[in-house]
């Protein structure tokens, strides 16, 4: 499965279109809300190096 921005999804559990779930891809893990298949709403991104970013996302972009 490919994300709209061509990131290959390795593992996914949840409602892909609208809702929430866990997405593991490209060494990263996103847990949170999705809308139209993109990070949207409250969520947490963890990198392969263990850096954790929690916040609100707007169609794939972190809102600070």
PDB file of N, CA and C in Angstrom:
ATOM      1  N   UNK A   1       0.851  -1.161   0.000  1.00  0.00           N
ATOM      2  CA  UNK A   1       0.000   0.000   0.000  1.00  0.00           C
ATOM      3  C   UNK A   1       0.901   1.231   0.000  1.00  0.00           C
ATOM      4  N   UNK A   2       0.545   2.232  -0.747  1.00  0.00           N
ATOM      5  CA  UNK A   2       1.318   3.467  -0.786  1.00  0.00           C
ATOM      6  C   UNK A   2       0.483   4.632  -0.293  1.00  0.00           C
ATOM      7  N   UNK A   3       1.115   5.485   0.500  1.00  0.00           N
ATOM      8  CA  UNK A   3       0.487   6.719   0.944  1.00  0.00           C
ATOM      9  C   UNK A   3       0.459   7.687  -0.228  1.00  0.00           C
ATOM     10  N   UNK A   4      -0.354   8.711  -0.160  1.00  0.00           N
ATOM     11  CA  UNK A   4      -0.471   9.680  -1.240  1.00  0.00           C
ATOM     12  C   UNK A   4       0.872  10.300  -1.608  1.00  0.00           C
ATOM     13  N   UNK A   5       1.772  10.473  -0.632  1.00  0.00           N
ATOM     14  CA  UNK A   5       3.078  11.063  -0.910  1.00  0.00           C
ATOM     15  C   UNK A   5       4.142   9.998  -1.172  1.00  0.00           C
ATOM     16  N   UNK A   6       3.719   8.813  -1.562  1.00  0.00           N
ATOM     17  CA  UNK A   6       4.566   7.703  -2.001  1.00  0.00           C
ATOM     18  C   UNK A   6       5.427   7.087  -0.912  1.00  0.00           C
ATOM     19  N   UNK A   7       5.030   7.214   0.351  1.00  0.00           N
ATOM     20  CA  UNK A   7       5.717   6.523   1.435  1.00  0.00           C
ATOM     21  C   UNK A   7       5.108   5.128   1.519  1.00  0.00           C
ATOM     22  N   UNK A   8       5.939   4.103   1.482  1.00  0.00           N
ATOM     23  CA  UNK A   8       5.427   2.748   1.551  1.00  0.00           C
ATOM     24  C   UNK A   8       5.015   2.420   2.984  1.00  0.00           C
ATOM     25  N   UNK A   9       3.793   1.990   3.159  1.00  0.00           N
ATOM     26  CA  UNK A   9       3.284   1.615   4.472  1.00  0.00           C
ATOM     27  C   UNK A   9       3.675   0.167   4.736  1.00  0.00           C
ATOM     28  N   UNK A  10       4.381  -0.073   5.832  1.00  0.00           N
ATOM     29  CA  UNK A  10       4.803  -1.424   6.170  1.00  0.00           C
ATOM     30  C   UNK A  10       3.791  -2.119   7.057  1.00  0.00           C
ATOM     31  N   UNK A  11       3.125  -1.375   7.913  1.00  0.00           N
ATOM     32  CA  UNK A  11       2.144  -1.952   8.816  1.00  0.00           C
ATOM     33  C   UNK A  11       1.107  -0.891   9.170  1.00  0.00           C
ATOM     34  N   UNK A  12      -0.150  -1.322   9.226  1.00  0.00           N
ATOM     35  CA  UNK A  12      -1.204  -0.388   9.608  1.00  0.00           C
ATOM     36  C   UNK A  12      -2.279  -1.137  10.364  1.00  0.00           C
ATOM     37  N   UNK A  13      -2.786  -0.515  11.432  1.00  0.00           N
ATOM     38  CA  UNK A  13      -3.880  -1.077  12.196  1.00  0.00           C
ATOM     39  C   UNK A  13      -4.825   0.053  12.559  1.00  0.00           C
ATOM     40  N   UNK A  14      -6.032   0.020  12.015  1.00  0.00           N
ATOM     41  CA  UNK A  14      -7.014   1.049  12.328  1.00  0.00           C
ATOM     42  C   UNK A  14      -7.823   1.425  11.106  1.00  0.00           C
ATOM     43  N   UNK A  15      -8.557   2.519  11.208  1.00  0.00           N
ATOM     44  CA  UNK A  15      -9.397   3.024  10.132  1.00  0.00           C
ATOM     45  C   UNK A  15      -8.541   3.948   9.272  1.00  0.00           C
ATOM     46  N   UNK A  16      -8.204   3.507   8.057  1.00  0.00           N
ATOM     47  CA  UNK A  16      -7.252   4.236   7.221  1.00  0.00           C
ATOM     48  C   UNK A  16      -7.785   5.569   6.713  1.00  0.00           C
ATOM     49  N   UNK A  17      -9.054   5.650   6.347  1.00  0.00           N
ATOM     50  CA  UNK A  17      -9.579   6.864   5.732  1.00  0.00           C
ATOM     51  C   UNK A  17      -9.875   7.931   6.780  1.00  0.00           C
ATOM     52  N   UNK A  18     -10.767   7.669   7.685  1.00  0.00           N
ATOM     53  CA  UNK A  18     -11.129   8.636   8.726  1.00  0.00           C
ATOM     54  C   UNK A  18     -11.239   7.903  10.057  1.00  0.00           C
ATOM     55  N   UNK A  19     -10.540   8.386  11.051  1.00  0.00           N
ATOM     56  CA  UNK A  19     -10.571   7.749  12.357  1.00  0.00           C
ATOM     57  C   UNK A  19      -9.209   7.818  12.990  1.00  0.00           C
ATOM     58  N   UNK A  20      -8.795   6.709  13.606  1.00  0.00           N
ATOM     59  CA  UNK A  20      -7.484   6.687  14.243  1.00  0.00           C
ATOM     60  C   UNK A  20      -6.854   5.318  14.050  1.00  0.00           C
ATOM     61  N   UNK A  21      -5.545   5.285  14.227  1.00  0.00           N
ATOM     62  CA  UNK A  21      -4.846   4.023  14.063  1.00  0.00           C
ATOM     63  C   UNK A  21      -3.362   4.166  14.297  1.00  0.00           C
ATOM     64  N   UNK A  22      -2.647   3.083  14.031  1.00  0.00           N
ATOM     65  CA  UNK A  22      -1.202   3.037  14.153  1.00  0.00           C
ATOM     66  C   UNK A  22      -0.621   2.721  12.787  1.00  0.00           C
ATOM     67  N   UNK A  23       0.313   3.555  12.354  1.00  0.00           N
ATOM     68  CA  UNK A  23       0.927   3.430  11.040  1.00  0.00           C
ATOM     69  C   UNK A  23       2.435   3.304  11.234  1.00  0.00           C
ATOM     70  N   UNK A  24       3.039   2.227  10.715  1.00  0.00           N
ATOM     71  CA  UNK A  24       4.478   2.031  10.811  1.00  0.00           C
ATOM     72  C   UNK A  24       5.036   2.056   9.393  1.00  0.00           C
ATOM     73  N   UNK A  25       5.969   2.980   9.127  1.00  0.00           N
ATOM     74  CA  UNK A  25       6.491   3.158   7.773  1.00  0.00           C
ATOM     75  C   UNK A  25       7.866   3.791   7.827  1.00  0.00           C
ATOM     76  N   UNK A  26       8.723   3.387   6.931  1.00  0.00           N
ATOM     77  CA  UNK A  26      10.018   4.038   6.738  1.00  0.00           C
ATOM     78  C   UNK A  26      10.771   4.285   8.051  1.00  0.00           C
ATOM     79  N   UNK A  27      10.691   3.338   8.985  1.00  0.00           N
ATOM     80  CA  UNK A  27      11.370   3.484  10.264  1.00  0.00           C
ATOM     81  C   UNK A  27      10.662   4.374  11.266  1.00  0.00           C
ATOM     82  N   UNK A  28       9.483   4.869  10.936  1.00  0.00           N
ATOM     83  CA  UNK A  28       8.715   5.763  11.815  1.00  0.00           C
ATOM     84  C   UNK A  28       7.417   5.086  12.248  1.00  0.00           C
ATOM     85  N   UNK A  29       6.868   5.584  13.351  1.00  0.00           N
ATOM     86  CA  UNK A  29       5.585   5.077  13.835  1.00  0.00           C
ATOM     87  C   UNK A  29       4.696   6.269  14.163  1.00  0.00           C
ATOM     88  N   UNK A  30       3.502   6.294  13.575  1.00  0.00           N
ATOM     89  CA  UNK A  30       2.517   7.339  13.866  1.00  0.00           C
ATOM     90  C   UNK A  30       1.324   6.672  14.538  1.00  0.00           C
ATOM     91  N   UNK A  31       0.914   7.235  15.666  1.00  0.00           N
ATOM     92  CA  UNK A  31      -0.283   6.775  16.378  1.00  0.00           C
ATOM     93  C   UNK A  31      -1.173   7.983  16.555  1.00  0.00           C
ATOM     94  N   UNK A  32      -2.363   7.925  15.971  1.00  0.00           N
ATOM     95  CA  UNK A  32      -3.258   9.066  16.120  1.00  0.00           C
ATOM     96  C   UNK A  32      -4.367   9.079  15.096  1.00  0.00           C
ATOM     97  N   UNK A  33      -4.912  10.274  14.915  1.00  0.00           N
ATOM     98  CA  UNK A  33      -6.070  10.460  14.047  1.00  0.00           C
ATOM     99  C   UNK A  33      -5.657  10.642  12.586  1.00  0.00           C
ATOM    100  N   UNK A  34      -6.534  10.181  11.714  1.00  0.00           N
ATOM    101  CA  UNK A  34      -6.323  10.283  10.274  1.00  0.00           C
ATOM    102  C   UNK A  34      -7.575  10.862   9.613  1.00  0.00           C
ATOM    103  N   UNK A  35      -7.368  11.557   8.514  1.00  0.00           N
ATOM    104  CA  UNK A  35      -8.476  12.045   7.711  1.00  0.00           C
ATOM    105  C   UNK A  35      -8.062  11.951   6.250  1.00  0.00           C
ATOM    106  N   UNK A  36      -8.884  11.313   5.455  1.00  0.00           N
ATOM    107  CA  UNK A  36      -8.584  11.105   4.039  1.00  0.00           C
ATOM    108  C   UNK A  36      -7.210  10.476   3.837  1.00  0.00           C
ATOM    109  N   UNK A  37      -6.835   9.557   4.729  1.00  0.00           N
ATOM    110  CA  UNK A  37      -5.579   8.834   4.608  1.00  0.00           C
ATOM    111  C   UNK A  37      -4.341   9.610   5.001  1.00  0.00           C
ATOM    112  N   UNK A  38      -4.488  10.765   5.658  1.00  0.00           N
ATOM    113  CA  UNK A  38      -3.342  11.572   6.077  1.00  0.00           C
ATOM    114  C   UNK A  38      -3.418  11.831   7.578  1.00  0.00           C
ATOM    115  N   UNK A  39      -2.250  12.117   8.196  1.00  0.00           N
ATOM    116  CA  UNK A  39      -2.230  12.478   9.615  1.00  0.00           C
ATOM    117  C   UNK A  39      -3.053  13.748   9.759  1.00  0.00           C
ATOM    118  N   UNK A  40      -4.087  13.706  10.600  1.00  0.00           N
ATOM    119  CA  UNK A  40      -4.944  14.877  10.754  1.00  0.00           C
ATOM    120  C   UNK A  40      -5.629  14.799  12.108  1.00  0.00           C
ATOM    121  N   UNK A  41      -5.287  15.728  12.975  1.00  0.00           N
ATOM    122  CA  UNK A  41      -5.817  15.727  14.336  1.00  0.00           C
ATOM    123  C   UNK A  41      -4.687  15.426  15.308  1.00  0.00           C
ATOM    124  N   UNK A  42      -5.033  14.909  16.452  1.00  0.00           N
ATOM    125  CA  UNK A  42      -4.071  14.609  17.502  1.00  0.00           C
ATOM    126  C   UNK A  42      -3.293  13.340  17.169  1.00  0.00           C
ATOM    127  N   UNK A  43      -1.961  13.390  17.346  1.00  0.00           N
ATOM    128  CA  UNK A  43      -1.163  12.204  17.067  1.00  0.00           C
ATOM    129  C   UNK A  43       0.260  12.317  17.561  1.00  0.00           C
ATOM    130  N   UNK A  44       0.948  11.175  17.562  1.00  0.00           N
ATOM    131  CA  UNK A  44       2.335  11.087  18.001  1.00  0.00           C
ATOM    132  C   UNK A  44       3.161  10.367  16.940  1.00  0.00           C
ATOM    133  N   UNK A  45       4.277  10.981  16.556  1.00  0.00           N
ATOM    134  CA  UNK A  45       5.211  10.392  15.598  1.00  0.00           C
ATOM    135  C   UNK A  45       6.490  10.037  16.341  1.00  0.00           C
ATOM    136  N   UNK A  46       6.969   8.806  16.153  1.00  0.00           N
ATOM    137  CA  UNK A  46       8.222   8.359  16.741  1.00  0.00           C
ATOM    138  C   UNK A  46       9.151   7.935  15.613  1.00  0.00           C
ATOM    139  N   UNK A  47      10.383   8.483  15.599  1.00  0.00           N
ATOM    140  CA  UNK A  47      11.346   8.143  14.556  1.00  0.00           C
ATOM    141  C   UNK A  47      12.097   6.874  14.930  1.00  0.00           C
ATOM    142  N   UNK A  48      12.843   6.348  13.990  1.00  0.00           N
ATOM    143  CA  UNK A  48      13.659   5.161  14.218  1.00  0.00           C
ATOM    144  C   UNK A  48      14.701   5.408  15.304  1.00  0.00           C
ATOM    145  N   UNK A  49      15.073   6.666  15.535  1.00  0.00           N
ATOM    146  CA  UNK A  49      16.050   7.026  16.564  1.00  0.00           C
ATOM    147  C   UNK A  49      15.407   7.322  17.908  1.00  0.00           C
ATOM    148  N   UNK A  50      14.086   7.133  18.013  1.00  0.00           N
ATOM    149  CA  UNK A  50      13.392   7.323  19.282  1.00  0.00           C
ATOM    150  C   UNK A  50      12.946   8.741  19.563  1.00  0.00           C
ATOM    151  N   UNK A  51      13.050   9.647  18.602  1.00  0.00           N
ATOM    152  CA  UNK A  51      12.581  11.017  18.794  1.00  0.00           C
ATOM    153  C   UNK A  51      11.054  11.022  18.686  1.00  0.00           C
ATOM    154  N   UNK A  52      10.407  11.547  19.716  1.00  0.00           N
ATOM    155  CA  UNK A  52       8.946  11.539  19.786  1.00  0.00           C
ATOM    156  C   UNK A  52       8.419  12.958  19.611  1.00  0.00           C
ATOM    157  N   UNK A  53       7.470  13.104  18.694  1.00  0.00           N
ATOM    158  CA  UNK A  53       6.808  14.389  18.462  1.00  0.00           C
ATOM    159  C   UNK A  53       5.310  14.181  18.628  1.00  0.00           C
ATOM    160  N   UNK A  54       4.722  14.882  19.577  1.00  0.00           N
ATOM    161  CA  UNK A  54       3.286  14.794  19.828  1.00  0.00           C
ATOM    162  C   UNK A  54       2.668  16.149  19.571  1.00  0.00           C
ATOM    163  N   UNK A  55       1.532  16.155  18.914  1.00  0.00           N
ATOM    164  CA  UNK A  55       0.852  17.409  18.652  1.00  0.00           C
ATOM    165  C   UNK A  55      -0.333  17.232  17.743  1.00  0.00           C
ATOM    166  N   UNK A  56      -0.743  18.317  17.148  1.00  0.00           N
ATOM    167  CA  UNK A  56      -1.859  18.295  16.208  1.00  0.00           C
ATOM    168  C   UNK A  56      -1.324  18.374  14.785  1.00  0.00           C
ATOM    169  N   UNK A  57      -1.916  17.604  13.914  1.00  0.00           N
ATOM    170  CA  UNK A  57      -1.494  17.500  12.525  1.00  0.00           C
ATOM    171  C   UNK A  57      -2.586  18.038  11.620  1.00  0.00           C
ATOM    172  N   UNK A  58      -2.194  18.681  10.553  1.00  0.00           N
ATOM    173  CA  UNK A  58      -3.134  19.216   9.568  1.00  0.00           C
ATOM    174  C   UNK A  58      -2.773  18.629   8.211  1.00  0.00           C
ATOM    175  N   UNK A  59      -3.501  17.590   7.830  1.00  0.00           N
ATOM    176  CA  UNK A  59      -3.258  16.901   6.551  1.00  0.00           C
ATOM    177  C   UNK A  59      -1.779  16.602   6.336  1.00  0.00           C
ATOM    178  N   UNK A  60      -1.158  15.934   7.313  1.00  0.00           N
ATOM    179  CA  UNK A  60       0.209  15.471   7.192  1.00  0.00           C
ATOM    180  C   UNK A  60       1.284  16.407   7.702  1.00  0.00           C
ATOM    181  N   UNK A  61       0.919  17.630   8.080  1.00  0.00           N
ATOM    182  CA  UNK A  61       1.900  18.598   8.562  1.00  0.00           C
ATOM    183  C   UNK A  61       1.639  18.909  10.038  1.00  0.00           C
ATOM    184  N   UNK A  62       2.715  18.906  10.818  1.00  0.00           N
ATOM    185  CA  UNK A  62       2.608  19.194  12.240  1.00  0.00           C
ATOM    186  C   UNK A  62       2.324  20.666  12.453  1.00  0.00           C
ATOM    187  N   UNK A  63       1.335  20.952  13.295  1.00  0.00           N
ATOM    188  CA  UNK A  63       0.998  22.330  13.659  1.00  0.00           C
ATOM    189  C   UNK A  63       1.614  22.592  15.018  1.00  0.00           C
ATOM    190  N   UNK A  64       2.481  23.552  15.104  1.00  0.00           N
ATOM    191  CA  UNK A  64       3.146  23.859  16.386  1.00  0.00           C
ATOM    192  C   UNK A  64       2.376  24.888  17.162  1.00  0.00           C
TER     193      UNK A  64
END
